[in-house]
Protein backbone atom coordinates (compact mmCIF):
# COMPACT_ATOMS: atom_id res chain seq x y z
CA MET A 1 53.44 23.70 23.21
CA CYS A 2 52.05 22.36 19.92
CA LEU A 3 54.50 24.50 17.94
CA ARG A 4 57.38 23.24 20.06
CA VAL A 5 56.36 19.60 19.47
CA ASN A 6 56.07 20.19 15.71
CA LEU A 7 59.51 21.80 15.60
CA ILE A 8 61.05 18.94 17.54
CA GLY A 9 59.44 16.43 15.18
CA TRP A 10 60.68 18.34 12.15
CA LEU A 11 64.23 18.55 13.51
CA PHE A 12 64.22 14.85 14.31
CA LEU A 13 63.10 14.10 10.75
CA LEU A 14 65.92 16.17 9.26
CA LEU A 15 68.53 14.75 11.64
CA SER A 16 67.46 11.19 10.88
CA THR A 17 67.75 11.94 7.16
CA PHE A 18 71.24 13.32 7.66
CA HIS A 19 72.14 10.27 9.72
CA VAL A 20 71.09 7.94 6.90
CA TYR A 21 73.01 9.82 4.23
CA GLY A 22 76.01 10.39 6.43
CA ASN A 23 76.52 6.74 7.29
CA ASP A 24 75.22 4.73 4.39
CA ASN A 25 75.59 6.09 0.87
CA LYS A 26 74.47 2.78 -0.63
CA SER A 27 70.85 3.04 0.55
CA VAL A 28 68.19 5.70 0.11
CA VAL A 29 65.85 6.78 2.89
CA ILE A 30 62.12 7.00 2.17
CA PHE A 31 59.64 8.58 4.57
CA ILE A 32 56.25 6.88 4.45
CA ARG A 33 52.98 6.92 6.33
CA ASP A 34 52.70 4.19 8.98
CA ASP A 35 49.50 2.54 7.73
CA VAL A 36 50.73 2.43 4.12
CA TYR A 37 54.00 0.79 5.09
CA ASP A 38 52.24 -1.74 7.31
CA ASP A 39 49.86 -2.84 4.52
CA TYR A 40 52.75 -2.86 2.02
CA SER A 41 54.78 -5.17 4.27
CA ARG A 42 51.85 -7.48 4.93
CA PHE A 43 50.98 -7.69 1.24
CA LEU A 44 54.56 -8.50 0.21
CA ASN A 45 54.84 -11.11 2.98
CA GLY A 46 58.58 -11.51 2.44
CA ARG A 47 58.59 -11.08 -1.33
CA LYS A 48 60.60 -8.48 -3.20
CA PRO A 49 58.55 -5.88 -5.10
CA ILE A 50 59.95 -7.06 -8.46
CA GLU A 51 58.54 -10.53 -7.74
CA VAL A 52 54.91 -9.38 -7.52
CA LYS A 53 52.85 -10.35 -10.55
CA ASP A 54 49.39 -10.65 -8.99
CA PHE A 55 48.00 -7.57 -7.23
CA SER A 56 44.84 -9.13 -5.80
CA GLY A 57 44.44 -10.19 -2.19
CA ALA A 58 44.41 -8.80 1.31
CA TYR A 59 46.12 -5.51 2.28
CA ILE A 60 46.32 -4.25 -1.32
CA ARG A 61 45.37 -0.60 -1.87
CA ARG A 62 46.25 2.21 -4.25
CA ASP A 63 49.19 3.42 -2.13
CA VAL A 64 50.61 -0.11 -2.00
CA VAL A 65 50.26 -0.60 -5.77
CA ASP A 66 52.03 2.75 -6.26
CA MET A 67 54.94 1.65 -4.07
CA ILE A 68 55.39 -1.65 -5.85
CA ILE A 69 55.02 -0.27 -9.39
CA ALA A 70 57.54 2.50 -8.64
CA GLN A 71 60.10 0.00 -7.38
CA GLN A 72 59.49 -2.39 -10.27
CA ALA A 73 60.02 0.49 -12.71
CA LEU A 74 63.20 1.63 -10.95
CA SER A 75 64.56 -1.91 -10.98
CA LEU A 76 63.74 -2.49 -14.65
CA GLY A 77 65.35 0.86 -15.44
CA GLY A 78 68.59 -0.12 -13.71
CA PHE A 79 68.36 1.74 -10.38
CA THR A 80 69.74 -0.74 -7.85
CA LYS A 81 70.15 1.18 -4.56
CA PRO A 82 68.09 -0.32 -1.72
CA PHE A 83 65.58 1.73 0.26
CA ARG A 84 65.35 2.29 4.01
CA TYR A 85 61.92 3.23 5.28
CA HIS A 86 61.17 5.70 8.07
CA LYS A 87 57.53 5.53 9.13
CA GLY A 88 55.54 8.53 10.27
CA ASN A 89 52.82 11.03 9.42
CA VAL A 90 54.89 13.11 7.01
CA ASN A 91 52.56 13.87 4.08
CA TYR A 92 53.36 17.56 3.63
CA ARG A 93 56.86 17.41 5.03
CA ASN A 94 57.62 15.14 2.07
CA THR A 95 57.09 18.03 -0.34
CA LYS A 96 59.62 20.21 1.49
CA LEU A 97 62.11 17.33 1.71
CA LEU A 98 61.78 16.68 -2.02
CA GLU A 99 62.35 20.34 -2.84
CA ASP A 100 65.44 20.44 -0.60
CA GLY A 101 66.89 17.19 -1.95
CA GLN A 102 66.57 15.43 1.41
CA LEU A 103 64.11 12.92 -0.08
CA LEU A 104 64.68 11.16 -3.41
CA LEU A 105 61.11 10.54 -4.48
CA SER A 106 57.55 10.04 -3.34
CA PHE A 107 56.28 6.49 -3.69
CA ASP A 108 52.79 7.94 -3.32
CA SER A 109 51.84 9.19 -6.78
CA VAL A 110 50.57 12.78 -7.05
CA TRP A 111 48.09 14.54 -9.29
CA SER A 112 49.46 16.16 -12.44
CA VAL A 113 48.11 19.57 -11.42
CA ASP A 114 49.92 19.35 -8.06
CA ALA A 115 53.13 17.95 -9.56
CA LYS A 116 53.35 20.83 -12.04
CA GLN A 117 53.44 23.33 -9.18
CA LEU A 118 56.70 21.69 -8.06
CA ALA A 119 58.19 21.40 -11.56
CA GLU A 120 61.18 23.65 -10.76
CA SER A 121 62.24 21.28 -7.98
CA VAL A 122 61.16 17.84 -9.16
CA TYR A 123 61.17 15.60 -12.20
CA ILE A 124 57.67 14.40 -13.15
CA SER A 125 57.30 10.84 -14.43
CA ASP A 126 54.99 9.62 -17.16
CA PRO A 127 51.52 8.88 -15.77
CA VAL A 128 51.16 5.78 -13.67
CA ILE A 129 47.39 6.34 -13.48
CA ARG A 130 46.09 7.91 -16.66
CA ASN A 131 43.39 10.55 -16.96
CA GLY A 132 40.00 8.87 -16.67
CA GLU A 133 41.27 5.83 -14.75
CA TYR A 134 40.90 7.22 -11.21
CA PHE A 135 37.72 6.38 -9.33
CA ALA A 136 37.17 6.97 -5.62
CA GLY A 137 34.77 5.48 -3.15
CA ILE A 138 32.49 7.57 -0.94
CA PHE A 139 33.67 6.58 2.56
CA THR A 140 31.68 7.25 5.70
CA SER A 141 31.07 5.95 9.22
CA PRO A 142 29.24 2.59 9.25
CA ASN A 143 26.68 4.35 11.47
CA ASN A 144 26.00 7.20 9.02
CA LYS A 145 22.81 5.91 7.41
CA LYS A 146 22.22 9.18 5.58
CA VAL A 147 25.35 8.74 3.44
CA LEU A 148 24.86 5.01 2.94
CA LYS A 149 21.46 5.74 1.36
CA VAL A 150 22.89 8.06 -1.34
CA LYS A 151 21.59 7.10 -4.79
CA GLN A 152 21.79 10.27 -6.91
CA LEU A 153 23.52 13.64 -7.12
CA ALA A 154 20.61 15.45 -5.47
CA ASP A 155 21.20 13.42 -2.30
CA PHE A 156 24.49 15.28 -1.71
CA LYS A 157 22.60 18.49 -0.91
CA GLN A 158 22.16 17.32 2.68
CA LEU A 159 25.76 16.08 3.12
CA THR A 160 29.09 17.53 4.23
CA ALA A 161 32.48 16.38 2.91
CA VAL A 162 36.10 16.94 3.91
CA SER A 163 39.27 17.33 1.83
CA THR A 164 42.06 19.85 1.27
CA PRO A 165 42.69 22.34 -1.56
CA ARG A 166 46.30 21.14 -1.44
CA TRP A 167 44.97 18.17 -3.42
CA GLN A 168 43.53 20.29 -6.17
CA THR A 169 41.87 17.52 -8.16
CA ASP A 170 40.16 16.08 -5.07
CA TRP A 171 39.00 19.53 -3.98
CA GLN A 172 37.67 20.43 -7.44
CA THR A 173 35.82 17.11 -7.72
CA LEU A 174 34.05 17.61 -4.40
CA SER A 175 33.43 21.29 -5.09
CA ALA A 176 31.48 20.30 -8.20
CA LEU A 177 29.01 18.28 -6.09
CA PRO A 178 25.88 19.99 -4.70
CA LEU A 179 27.13 19.67 -1.11
CA LYS A 180 25.73 21.26 2.02
CA GLU A 181 29.32 22.14 2.94
CA LEU A 182 32.91 21.21 1.99
CA LEU A 183 35.25 21.48 4.95
CA ARG A 184 39.02 21.86 4.86
CA GLU A 185 41.37 19.57 6.78
CA ASP A 186 44.94 19.42 5.46
CA GLU A 187 46.03 16.25 7.27
CA TRP A 188 44.73 13.00 5.82
CA LEU A 189 44.47 11.34 9.23
CA GLY A 190 42.51 14.33 10.46
CA GLN A 191 40.04 13.82 7.60
CA VAL A 192 39.60 10.17 8.53
CA ARG A 193 38.98 11.01 12.18
CA THR A 194 36.38 13.70 11.48
CA VAL A 195 34.42 11.31 9.27
CA SER A 196 34.74 8.46 11.77
CA MET A 197 33.35 10.70 14.53
CA GLN A 198 30.57 11.89 12.17
CA TRP A 199 31.59 15.52 12.47
CA VAL A 200 31.67 15.34 8.66
CA ASP A 201 29.58 12.98 6.55
CA PHE A 202 32.10 11.57 4.08
CA MET A 203 35.46 11.71 2.34
CA MET A 204 36.83 10.23 -0.87
CA MET A 205 39.20 7.26 -0.67
CA PRO A 206 40.41 4.68 -3.19
CA LEU A 207 38.36 1.49 -3.33
CA MET A 208 39.63 -1.46 -1.27
CA PRO A 209 37.68 -4.47 -2.60
CA SER A 210 40.02 -6.99 -0.96
CA LEU A 211 38.93 -5.47 2.37
CA ASN A 212 35.25 -5.28 1.33
CA ASN A 213 35.76 -1.54 0.90
CA ARG A 214 36.22 -1.09 4.64
CA TYR A 215 39.06 0.99 6.05
CA SER A 216 40.23 0.20 9.59
CA LEU A 217 42.94 1.89 11.65
CA GLU A 218 43.07 1.37 15.42
CA ASN A 219 39.59 2.45 16.63
CA ILE A 220 38.64 4.03 13.29
CA GLU A 221 36.45 2.28 10.75
CA LEU A 222 35.01 3.67 7.53
CA VAL A 223 32.96 1.97 4.82
CA ALA A 224 32.23 2.88 1.20
CA VAL A 225 28.74 3.53 -0.12
CA PRO A 226 27.96 0.31 -2.04
CA ASN A 227 28.21 0.36 -5.83
CA LEU A 228 28.87 4.11 -6.15
CA VAL A 229 32.08 5.87 -7.21
CA LEU A 230 33.25 9.37 -8.06
CA GLN A 231 35.50 9.93 -11.09
CA LEU A 232 38.47 12.30 -10.73
CA ASN A 233 39.65 13.73 -14.02
CA ASP A 234 43.42 14.01 -13.81
CA SER A 235 46.46 11.75 -14.13
CA ARG A 236 48.84 10.71 -11.35
CA HIS A 237 52.64 10.70 -11.51
CA PHE A 238 55.73 9.93 -9.45
CA ILE A 239 57.87 12.95 -8.56
CA ILE A 240 61.65 12.76 -8.08
CA SER A 241 63.82 15.42 -6.48
CA LYS A 242 66.12 17.35 -8.84
CA SER A 243 68.35 18.27 -5.90
CA HIS A 244 68.90 14.76 -4.55
CA PRO A 245 72.27 13.26 -5.60
CA ASP A 246 70.47 10.23 -7.09
CA GLY A 247 67.60 12.23 -8.60
CA LYS A 248 68.71 12.28 -12.23
CA ALA A 249 69.57 8.58 -12.28
CA ALA A 250 66.33 7.60 -10.52
CA PHE A 251 64.23 9.67 -12.93
CA ALA A 252 65.87 8.11 -15.99
CA ALA A 253 65.38 4.64 -14.50
CA ILE A 254 61.74 5.09 -13.52
CA GLN A 255 60.86 6.50 -16.94
CA LYS A 256 62.50 3.54 -18.67
CA GLY A 257 60.82 1.05 -16.36
CA LEU A 258 57.37 2.64 -16.59
CA SER A 259 57.61 2.52 -20.38
CA GLN A 260 58.35 -1.22 -20.26
CA LEU A 261 55.54 -1.90 -17.78
CA ARG A 262 53.08 0.16 -19.81
CA LYS A 263 53.90 -1.68 -23.04
CA THR A 264 53.23 -5.06 -21.45
CA GLY A 265 49.98 -3.86 -19.86
CA ALA A 266 51.36 -4.54 -16.38
CA ILE A 267 50.43 -1.15 -14.89
CA GLU A 268 46.74 -1.21 -15.82
CA LYS A 269 46.58 -4.90 -14.88
CA ALA A 270 47.94 -4.11 -11.40
CA TYR A 271 45.41 -1.39 -10.64
CA ARG A 272 42.54 -3.48 -12.05
CA GLU A 273 43.52 -6.56 -10.03
CA ALA A 274 43.72 -4.38 -6.93
CA GLY A 275 40.18 -3.19 -7.68
CA PHE A 276 41.31 0.40 -7.90
CA ILE A 277 40.16 0.64 -11.53
CA PRO A 278 36.72 -0.92 -10.94
CA ASP A 279 34.48 -2.94 -13.18
CA LEU A 280 32.00 -0.23 -14.09
CA ASN A 281 29.35 -2.86 -14.75
CA SER A 282 29.20 -3.15 -10.95
CA TYR A 283 29.44 0.55 -10.08
CA THR A 284 27.60 3.74 -10.92
CA VAL A 285 29.77 6.82 -11.57
CA ILE A 286 27.56 9.29 -9.76
CA ASN A 287 29.33 12.42 -11.10
CA LYS A 288 29.73 11.20 -14.67
CA ALA A 289 29.64 14.05 -17.20
CA ARG A 290 26.47 14.13 -19.24
């Protein structure tokens, strides 16, 4: 039954993509996770992405900054086609759609090590988050006192974490900790649920200072361990399909736009204002190399 449901969902996704391309060649369809799109819409509050200059405030998060920076870069680079968003839980379907040319690009930046595995099928942009700039919070259930008391590396010996080896940099970062156990769950929402139910102690997530580093979704709530972060040593990039009819033009545009934004300091400013690149005077990097 589960297989049948998955196949139906996959066919619906492909048919909806065909429908968009078959009836409107002036817009480009983008598949995006529901919660990301909802926060993106609430943060914009009627504004166009190119109009955003201040990235502080409610609903801002790393995924939302990614979306806005990508669209600002595309616009500055001369790519003018509008986007149509289809919401859903399509994290790993996106990779297949990019490879097949059914999806133009991922507005969710990806690790360099993961992007390089797709290099035959996608263009890889210059880094939007540079190596050394990525810090993650240690998110857990508000009721998990054991995690909230973590102060040093040795405290991880009694903890379990969840991630997926599909995100190689995340997996390697957690594997380097002295954990009791690292469990695999390939779906991001599945990771959130297991931590919320305290089947697993914690997961890594980007900081959300505008939300007091609390993540809420329906009946799920996670909180970050105060004043502690993990550093992930890799850069993040946008990937654009080589097989999509607009792929070459979009790649040229995003590269041009990212270069302009980087020169003016706008990219680093955005991630700092969002609290994603934290003030390290207020945080301890618990896995900092010695």
